[in-house]
Amino acid sequence: MRRAIVRSVSAVLSLFAGGAKAIDLSTPEKAVASFYGAYARQNVDEVVAARDFEFEAREQLGSAADDEVVRQTARRLEADFREEIRSRGFPKGSPSNCHAISHRMLRHDLVQVFWECPGPGNGSVFVPIYAARNETGWRVALLRRPPR
C-alpha cells in the first residue's frame, strides 16, 4: 500500500513538474511556443493550458456579452476542442521546427505573433497567430476573424 502511494505521489509530482517546465506564458512568443510544443507532444491538457478559450468566447460574442455567457461559451469551446482531439486525434505535422520572428501589438491585451515554419523545398511558411493577455499571463487565442 505504501509503495503504491509513493508511486502515485511521484507520478503526480513528475506530471506537475513536466507541465510547469513545458508551459511558459510569460511572453506572447513563449505562449505560442508552449502551444506549439504541446501540439508536438500531443498533450491535450498542455494545449488547453496554453489556449485562452475565454478570450476567444468574448471575441465571438462581443464585449457587451454577459460574463456568465462568456464563461459558458468558453467551456463549450474547450469541450468541443477536447472532443475533436479525442475523435480525430492531433493534426499531422509537427510545428516544433517553427520559431517566432516578430510580433505586432494590436491592443493592450492582444498581440499578433508571426511564426516562421519550414515550407516546401528550402522555403518558409509564415503563420500569424494571436496571443491574448489575461491576469495569469499570455495564451494563444484562435480567432475565426480579425479582432475588433
N, C-alpha and C. Protein backbone atom coordinates (compact mmCIF):
# COMPACT_ATOMS: atom_id res chain seq x y z
N MET A 1 0.83 -1.19 0.00
CA MET A 1 0.00 0.00 0.00
C MET A 1 0.88 1.26 0.00
N ARG A 2 1.87 1.29 0.89
CA ARG A 2 2.75 2.45 0.98
C ARG A 2 3.48 2.67 -0.33
N ARG A 3 3.93 1.60 -0.96
CA ARG A 3 4.64 1.69 -2.23
C ARG A 3 3.74 2.27 -3.32
N ALA A 4 2.48 1.87 -3.33
CA ALA A 4 1.53 2.40 -4.32
C ALA A 4 1.31 3.89 -4.12
N ILE A 5 1.23 4.33 -2.88
CA ILE A 5 1.04 5.75 -2.59
C ILE A 5 2.27 6.54 -3.04
N VAL A 6 3.45 6.02 -2.75
CA VAL A 6 4.68 6.69 -3.16
C VAL A 6 4.74 6.80 -4.68
N ARG A 7 4.37 5.72 -5.38
CA ARG A 7 4.35 5.76 -6.84
C ARG A 7 3.36 6.79 -7.34
N SER A 8 2.18 6.85 -6.74
CA SER A 8 1.16 7.82 -7.16
C SER A 8 1.63 9.24 -6.94
N VAL A 9 2.20 9.50 -5.77
CA VAL A 9 2.70 10.85 -5.48
C VAL A 9 3.82 11.21 -6.45
N SER A 10 4.72 10.27 -6.72
CA SER A 10 5.82 10.53 -7.66
C SER A 10 5.28 10.83 -9.05
N ALA A 11 4.27 10.09 -9.47
CA ALA A 11 3.67 10.32 -10.79
C ALA A 11 3.05 11.71 -10.87
N VAL A 12 2.33 12.09 -9.83
CA VAL A 12 1.70 13.42 -9.81
C VAL A 12 2.76 14.51 -9.83
N LEU A 13 3.80 14.36 -9.01
CA LEU A 13 4.86 15.37 -8.97
C LEU A 13 5.58 15.47 -10.31
N SER A 14 5.84 14.35 -10.97
CA SER A 14 6.52 14.41 -12.26
C SER A 14 5.63 15.06 -13.32
N LEU A 15 4.34 14.80 -13.27
CA LEU A 15 3.42 15.47 -14.20
C LEU A 15 3.41 16.96 -13.94
N PHE A 16 3.34 17.34 -12.66
CA PHE A 16 3.31 18.76 -12.32
C PHE A 16 4.60 19.44 -12.77
N ALA A 17 5.71 18.81 -12.49
CA ALA A 17 6.99 19.39 -12.87
C ALA A 17 7.12 19.49 -14.38
N GLY A 18 6.67 18.46 -15.09
CA GLY A 18 6.73 18.49 -16.55
C GLY A 18 5.85 19.59 -17.11
N GLY A 19 4.65 19.75 -16.54
CA GLY A 19 3.75 20.79 -17.01
C GLY A 19 4.30 22.16 -16.74
N ALA A 20 4.93 22.33 -15.59
CA ALA A 20 5.46 23.64 -15.23
C ALA A 20 6.59 24.04 -16.17
N LYS A 21 7.41 23.09 -16.58
CA LYS A 21 8.50 23.38 -17.50
C LYS A 21 7.99 23.58 -18.92
N ALA A 22 6.96 22.85 -19.30
CA ALA A 22 6.51 22.83 -20.68
C ALA A 22 5.71 24.07 -21.07
N ILE A 23 4.99 24.66 -20.14
CA ILE A 23 4.12 25.78 -20.45
C ILE A 23 4.70 27.05 -19.85
N ASP A 24 5.07 28.00 -20.72
CA ASP A 24 5.60 29.29 -20.28
C ASP A 24 4.71 30.37 -20.89
N LEU A 25 3.98 31.07 -20.06
CA LEU A 25 3.03 32.08 -20.52
C LEU A 25 3.52 33.49 -20.23
N SER A 26 4.82 33.66 -20.05
CA SER A 26 5.36 34.96 -19.63
C SER A 26 5.42 35.99 -20.75
N THR A 27 5.51 35.56 -22.00
CA THR A 27 5.51 36.49 -23.14
C THR A 27 4.62 35.91 -24.23
N PRO A 28 4.19 36.73 -25.19
CA PRO A 28 3.39 36.18 -26.30
C PRO A 28 4.14 35.09 -27.06
N GLU A 29 5.43 35.32 -27.32
CA GLU A 29 6.21 34.34 -28.08
C GLU A 29 6.35 33.03 -27.33
N LYS A 30 6.57 33.10 -26.02
CA LYS A 30 6.71 31.87 -25.23
C LYS A 30 5.38 31.14 -25.10
N ALA A 31 4.29 31.88 -25.05
CA ALA A 31 2.97 31.24 -25.01
C ALA A 31 2.70 30.48 -26.31
N VAL A 32 3.04 31.10 -27.44
CA VAL A 32 2.85 30.42 -28.73
C VAL A 32 3.77 29.21 -28.83
N ALA A 33 5.02 29.36 -28.39
CA ALA A 33 5.96 28.22 -28.40
C ALA A 33 5.44 27.09 -27.51
N SER A 34 4.88 27.43 -26.36
CA SER A 34 4.31 26.41 -25.47
C SER A 34 3.13 25.71 -26.13
N PHE A 35 2.29 26.49 -26.79
CA PHE A 35 1.13 25.94 -27.50
C PHE A 35 1.58 24.95 -28.58
N TYR A 36 2.52 25.38 -29.43
CA TYR A 36 3.01 24.51 -30.49
C TYR A 36 3.77 23.31 -29.92
N GLY A 37 4.52 23.52 -28.85
CA GLY A 37 5.24 22.41 -28.21
C GLY A 37 4.28 21.36 -27.68
N ALA A 38 3.17 21.82 -27.09
CA ALA A 38 2.16 20.89 -26.58
C ALA A 38 1.53 20.10 -27.73
N TYR A 39 1.30 20.76 -28.87
CA TYR A 39 0.80 20.04 -30.04
C TYR A 39 1.80 18.99 -30.49
N ALA A 40 3.08 19.37 -30.55
CA ALA A 40 4.11 18.43 -30.99
C ALA A 40 4.18 17.22 -30.06
N ARG A 41 3.97 17.43 -28.75
CA ARG A 41 3.97 16.33 -27.77
C ARG A 41 2.63 15.62 -27.72
N GLN A 42 1.64 16.15 -28.45
CA GLN A 42 0.27 15.62 -28.46
C GLN A 42 -0.29 15.54 -27.05
N ASN A 43 -0.13 16.63 -26.30
CA ASN A 43 -0.60 16.70 -24.92
C ASN A 43 -1.77 17.67 -24.86
N VAL A 44 -2.98 17.13 -24.86
CA VAL A 44 -4.18 17.96 -24.93
C VAL A 44 -4.31 18.89 -23.73
N ASP A 45 -3.91 18.43 -22.54
CA ASP A 45 -4.02 19.28 -21.35
C ASP A 45 -3.09 20.49 -21.44
N GLU A 46 -1.90 20.30 -21.98
CA GLU A 46 -0.98 21.42 -22.16
C GLU A 46 -1.48 22.38 -23.24
N VAL A 47 -2.05 21.84 -24.31
CA VAL A 47 -2.62 22.70 -25.36
C VAL A 47 -3.71 23.57 -24.74
N VAL A 48 -4.59 22.95 -23.97
CA VAL A 48 -5.69 23.68 -23.31
C VAL A 48 -5.12 24.74 -22.36
N ALA A 49 -4.07 24.40 -21.62
CA ALA A 49 -3.47 25.35 -20.68
C ALA A 49 -2.85 26.55 -21.40
N ALA A 50 -2.40 26.35 -22.63
CA ALA A 50 -1.76 27.42 -23.39
C ALA A 50 -2.75 28.22 -24.24
N ARG A 51 -4.02 27.86 -24.20
CA ARG A 51 -5.03 28.49 -25.05
C ARG A 51 -6.03 29.26 -24.18
N ASP A 52 -6.48 30.42 -24.65
CA ASP A 52 -7.40 31.26 -23.89
C ASP A 52 -8.81 31.17 -24.49
N PHE A 53 -9.58 30.20 -24.01
CA PHE A 53 -10.93 29.99 -24.51
C PHE A 53 -11.86 31.13 -24.11
N GLU A 54 -11.64 31.74 -22.96
CA GLU A 54 -12.49 32.87 -22.55
C GLU A 54 -12.29 34.07 -23.46
N PHE A 55 -11.06 34.34 -23.84
CA PHE A 55 -10.80 35.45 -24.76
C PHE A 55 -11.49 35.16 -26.10
N GLU A 56 -11.35 33.92 -26.59
CA GLU A 56 -11.99 33.54 -27.85
C GLU A 56 -13.50 33.72 -27.77
N ALA A 57 -14.09 33.30 -26.65
CA ALA A 57 -15.54 33.42 -26.47
C ALA A 57 -15.96 34.89 -26.47
N ARG A 58 -15.22 35.73 -25.75
CA ARG A 58 -15.56 37.16 -25.69
C ARG A 58 -15.44 37.79 -27.08
N GLU A 59 -14.44 37.41 -27.85
CA GLU A 59 -14.30 37.94 -29.21
C GLU A 59 -15.47 37.51 -30.09
N GLN A 60 -15.92 36.27 -29.93
CA GLN A 60 -17.05 35.77 -30.72
C GLN A 60 -18.35 36.48 -30.34
N LEU A 61 -18.55 36.68 -29.03
CA LEU A 61 -19.82 37.21 -28.53
C LEU A 61 -19.87 38.73 -28.51
N GLY A 62 -18.74 39.38 -28.46
CA GLY A 62 -18.70 40.84 -28.37
C GLY A 62 -18.51 41.29 -26.94
N SER A 63 -18.00 42.49 -26.78
CA SER A 63 -17.64 42.99 -25.45
C SER A 63 -18.84 43.22 -24.55
N ALA A 64 -20.03 43.36 -25.12
CA ALA A 64 -21.22 43.60 -24.29
C ALA A 64 -21.79 42.31 -23.70
N ALA A 65 -21.21 41.17 -24.05
CA ALA A 65 -21.73 39.88 -23.58
C ALA A 65 -21.59 39.75 -22.06
N ASP A 66 -22.58 39.14 -21.46
CA ASP A 66 -22.60 38.86 -20.02
C ASP A 66 -21.45 37.91 -19.68
N ASP A 67 -20.78 38.14 -18.54
CA ASP A 67 -19.64 37.32 -18.13
C ASP A 67 -19.99 35.84 -18.02
N GLU A 68 -21.17 35.53 -17.51
CA GLU A 68 -21.58 34.12 -17.37
C GLU A 68 -21.75 33.47 -18.74
N VAL A 69 -22.30 34.20 -19.69
CA VAL A 69 -22.46 33.67 -21.05
C VAL A 69 -21.08 33.43 -21.67
N VAL A 70 -20.15 34.34 -21.42
CA VAL A 70 -18.78 34.18 -21.92
C VAL A 70 -18.16 32.92 -21.32
N ARG A 71 -18.30 32.72 -20.01
CA ARG A 71 -17.73 31.52 -19.36
C ARG A 71 -18.36 30.24 -19.91
N GLN A 72 -19.67 30.24 -20.10
CA GLN A 72 -20.35 29.06 -20.65
C GLN A 72 -19.86 28.78 -22.07
N THR A 73 -19.73 29.82 -22.86
CA THR A 73 -19.25 29.66 -24.23
C THR A 73 -17.81 29.15 -24.23
N ALA A 74 -16.97 29.66 -23.34
CA ALA A 74 -15.59 29.19 -23.24
C ALA A 74 -15.53 27.71 -22.87
N ARG A 75 -16.37 27.31 -21.93
CA ARG A 75 -16.42 25.88 -21.55
C ARG A 75 -16.84 25.01 -22.73
N ARG A 76 -17.80 25.50 -23.53
CA ARG A 76 -18.26 24.76 -24.70
C ARG A 76 -17.14 24.68 -25.74
N LEU A 77 -16.43 25.78 -25.97
CA LEU A 77 -15.30 25.77 -26.92
C LEU A 77 -14.24 24.75 -26.49
N GLU A 78 -13.91 24.74 -25.20
CA GLU A 78 -12.91 23.78 -24.71
C GLU A 78 -13.41 22.35 -24.85
N ALA A 79 -14.66 22.10 -24.49
CA ALA A 79 -15.22 20.75 -24.61
C ALA A 79 -15.23 20.29 -26.06
N ASP A 80 -15.62 21.19 -26.98
CA ASP A 80 -15.62 20.84 -28.41
C ASP A 80 -14.21 20.53 -28.89
N PHE A 81 -13.23 21.33 -28.44
CA PHE A 81 -11.85 21.09 -28.83
C PHE A 81 -11.37 19.73 -28.34
N ARG A 82 -11.63 19.44 -27.06
CA ARG A 82 -11.21 18.15 -26.50
C ARG A 82 -11.88 16.98 -27.24
N GLU A 83 -13.15 17.14 -27.57
CA GLU A 83 -13.86 16.08 -28.29
C GLU A 83 -13.28 15.88 -29.69
N GLU A 84 -12.94 16.97 -30.35
CA GLU A 84 -12.34 16.87 -31.68
C GLU A 84 -11.01 16.12 -31.62
N ILE A 85 -10.18 16.42 -30.64
CA ILE A 85 -8.90 15.72 -30.49
C ILE A 85 -9.15 14.25 -30.15
N ARG A 86 -10.12 14.00 -29.27
CA ARG A 86 -10.44 12.62 -28.88
C ARG A 86 -10.92 11.80 -30.10
N SER A 87 -11.75 12.41 -30.93
CA SER A 87 -12.33 11.66 -32.05
C SER A 87 -11.43 11.61 -33.28
N ARG A 88 -10.71 12.69 -33.56
CA ARG A 88 -9.90 12.75 -34.78
C ARG A 88 -8.40 12.64 -34.53
N GLY A 89 -8.00 12.88 -33.29
CA GLY A 89 -6.58 12.89 -32.98
C GLY A 89 -5.96 14.24 -33.32
N PHE A 90 -4.68 14.36 -33.05
CA PHE A 90 -3.96 15.59 -33.34
C PHE A 90 -3.70 15.68 -34.84
N PRO A 91 -3.66 16.89 -35.38
CA PRO A 91 -3.36 17.04 -36.81
C PRO A 91 -1.96 16.53 -37.13
N LYS A 92 -1.77 16.09 -38.35
CA LYS A 92 -0.47 15.59 -38.78
C LYS A 92 0.49 16.77 -38.93
N GLY A 93 1.77 16.48 -38.80
CA GLY A 93 2.78 17.53 -38.94
C GLY A 93 3.11 18.13 -37.60
N SER A 94 4.36 18.41 -37.41
CA SER A 94 4.80 18.97 -36.13
C SER A 94 5.30 20.40 -36.33
N PRO A 95 4.75 21.33 -35.55
CA PRO A 95 5.23 22.71 -35.63
C PRO A 95 6.47 22.96 -34.77
N SER A 96 7.12 21.90 -34.33
CA SER A 96 8.24 22.06 -33.39
C SER A 96 9.46 22.72 -34.03
N ASN A 97 9.55 22.74 -35.35
CA ASN A 97 10.69 23.38 -36.01
C ASN A 97 10.41 24.85 -36.33
N CYS A 98 9.34 25.39 -35.82
CA CYS A 98 8.95 26.77 -36.08
C CYS A 98 9.49 27.68 -34.98
N HIS A 99 9.57 28.97 -35.30
CA HIS A 99 10.02 29.94 -34.30
C HIS A 99 9.40 31.31 -34.58
N ALA A 100 9.26 32.09 -33.53
CA ALA A 100 8.71 33.44 -33.65
C ALA A 100 9.75 34.35 -34.29
N ILE A 101 9.30 35.18 -35.24
CA ILE A 101 10.24 36.11 -35.87
C ILE A 101 9.91 37.57 -35.54
N SER A 102 8.66 37.85 -35.24
CA SER A 102 8.28 39.21 -34.84
C SER A 102 6.88 39.18 -34.25
N HIS A 103 6.46 40.33 -33.74
CA HIS A 103 5.08 40.43 -33.27
C HIS A 103 4.59 41.86 -33.46
N ARG A 104 3.28 41.99 -33.44
CA ARG A 104 2.66 43.30 -33.60
C ARG A 104 1.61 43.46 -32.50
N MET A 105 1.73 44.50 -31.70
CA MET A 105 0.77 44.78 -30.63
C MET A 105 -0.49 45.35 -31.27
N LEU A 106 -1.63 44.68 -31.07
CA LEU A 106 -2.89 45.14 -31.62
C LEU A 106 -3.70 45.92 -30.61
N ARG A 107 -3.65 45.47 -29.37
CA ARG A 107 -4.33 46.12 -28.24
C ARG A 107 -3.49 45.83 -27.01
N HIS A 108 -3.85 46.42 -25.88
CA HIS A 108 -3.09 46.17 -24.65
C HIS A 108 -3.13 44.70 -24.24
N ASP A 109 -4.17 43.97 -24.69
CA ASP A 109 -4.34 42.57 -24.30
C ASP A 109 -4.23 41.59 -25.47
N LEU A 110 -3.74 42.06 -26.62
CA LEU A 110 -3.71 41.20 -27.80
C LEU A 110 -2.50 41.51 -28.69
N VAL A 111 -1.76 40.46 -29.03
CA VAL A 111 -0.58 40.57 -29.88
C VAL A 111 -0.72 39.56 -31.01
N GLN A 112 -0.30 39.96 -32.20
CA GLN A 112 -0.22 39.02 -33.31
C GLN A 112 1.25 38.62 -33.44
N VAL A 113 1.53 37.34 -33.26
CA VAL A 113 2.89 36.81 -33.34
C VAL A 113 3.06 36.18 -34.72
N PHE A 114 4.15 36.52 -35.38
CA PHE A 114 4.43 35.93 -36.69
C PHE A 114 5.43 34.81 -36.50
N TRP A 115 5.04 33.64 -36.94
CA TRP A 115 5.75 32.40 -36.70
C TRP A 115 6.29 31.90 -38.03
N GLU A 116 7.56 31.53 -38.10
CA GLU A 116 8.16 31.01 -39.32
C GLU A 116 8.36 29.51 -39.19
N CYS A 117 7.86 28.79 -40.19
CA CYS A 117 7.97 27.32 -40.20
C CYS A 117 8.61 26.89 -41.51
N PRO A 118 9.31 25.75 -41.50
CA PRO A 118 9.87 25.23 -42.74
C PRO A 118 8.76 24.96 -43.74
N GLY A 119 8.99 25.38 -44.98
CA GLY A 119 8.00 25.16 -46.03
C GLY A 119 8.51 24.16 -47.04
N PRO A 120 7.82 24.06 -48.15
CA PRO A 120 8.24 23.13 -49.20
C PRO A 120 9.63 23.49 -49.72
N GLY A 121 10.39 22.48 -50.04
CA GLY A 121 11.75 22.72 -50.52
C GLY A 121 12.58 23.37 -49.44
N ASN A 122 13.25 24.44 -49.78
CA ASN A 122 14.05 25.19 -48.80
C ASN A 122 13.34 26.45 -48.34
N GLY A 123 12.08 26.58 -48.65
CA GLY A 123 11.34 27.80 -48.32
C GLY A 123 10.80 27.81 -46.90
N SER A 124 10.09 28.87 -46.62
CA SER A 124 9.47 29.04 -45.31
C SER A 124 8.01 29.40 -45.47
N VAL A 125 7.24 29.08 -44.46
CA VAL A 125 5.84 29.46 -44.38
C VAL A 125 5.72 30.37 -43.17
N PHE A 126 5.02 31.49 -43.33
CA PHE A 126 4.85 32.44 -42.24
C PHE A 126 3.41 32.36 -41.74
N VAL A 127 3.27 32.12 -40.45
CA VAL A 127 1.95 31.90 -39.85
C VAL A 127 1.69 32.97 -38.79
N PRO A 128 0.63 33.77 -38.97
CA PRO A 128 0.26 34.70 -37.90
C PRO A 128 -0.62 33.99 -36.88
N ILE A 129 -0.35 34.20 -35.61
CA ILE A 129 -1.18 33.60 -34.56
C ILE A 129 -1.33 34.64 -33.45
N TYR A 130 -2.48 34.67 -32.83
CA TYR A 130 -2.76 35.67 -31.80
C TYR A 130 -2.42 35.14 -30.40
N ALA A 131 -1.94 36.04 -29.56
CA ALA A 131 -1.73 35.75 -28.14
C ALA A 131 -2.46 36.83 -27.35
N ALA A 132 -3.26 36.37 -26.38
CA ALA A 132 -4.06 37.28 -25.55
C ALA A 132 -3.53 37.28 -24.13
N ARG A 133 -3.55 38.45 -23.51
CA ARG A 133 -3.07 38.57 -22.13
C ARG A 133 -4.25 38.64 -21.18
N ASN A 134 -4.16 37.83 -20.11
CA ASN A 134 -5.14 37.93 -19.02
C ASN A 134 -4.36 38.02 -17.71
N GLU A 135 -5.04 37.85 -16.59
CA GLU A 135 -4.39 38.04 -15.29
C GLU A 135 -3.30 37.00 -14.99
N THR A 136 -3.26 35.89 -15.72
CA THR A 136 -2.26 34.86 -15.45
C THR A 136 -1.14 34.81 -16.49
N GLY A 137 -1.18 35.66 -17.48
CA GLY A 137 -0.14 35.67 -18.50
C GLY A 137 -0.72 35.70 -19.90
N TRP A 138 0.08 35.27 -20.84
CA TRP A 138 -0.31 35.24 -22.25
C TRP A 138 -0.76 33.84 -22.64
N ARG A 139 -1.76 33.76 -23.50
CA ARG A 139 -2.23 32.48 -24.02
C ARG A 139 -2.60 32.66 -25.49
N VAL A 140 -2.56 31.57 -26.22
CA VAL A 140 -2.95 31.61 -27.63
C VAL A 140 -4.46 31.77 -27.74
N ALA A 141 -4.87 32.60 -28.68
CA ALA A 141 -6.30 32.78 -28.98
C ALA A 141 -6.50 32.47 -30.46
N LEU A 142 -7.24 31.42 -30.74
CA LEU A 142 -7.54 31.05 -32.12
C LEU A 142 -8.81 31.79 -32.52
N LEU A 143 -8.64 32.82 -33.32
CA LEU A 143 -9.76 33.68 -33.69
C LEU A 143 -10.19 33.38 -35.12
N ARG A 144 -11.50 33.29 -35.33
CA ARG A 144 -12.03 32.98 -36.66
C ARG A 144 -11.99 34.18 -37.59
N ARG A 145 -12.00 35.36 -37.02
CA ARG A 145 -11.91 36.58 -37.84
C ARG A 145 -10.98 37.55 -37.12
N PRO A 146 -10.48 38.54 -37.86
CA PRO A 146 -9.57 39.50 -37.22
C PRO A 146 -10.24 40.15 -36.01
N PRO A 147 -9.46 40.43 -34.99
CA PRO A 147 -10.04 41.02 -33.77
C PRO A 147 -10.56 42.42 -34.00
N ARG A 148 -11.51 42.81 -33.16
CA ARG A 148 -12.10 44.15 -33.23
C ARG A 148 -11.23 45.15 -32.52
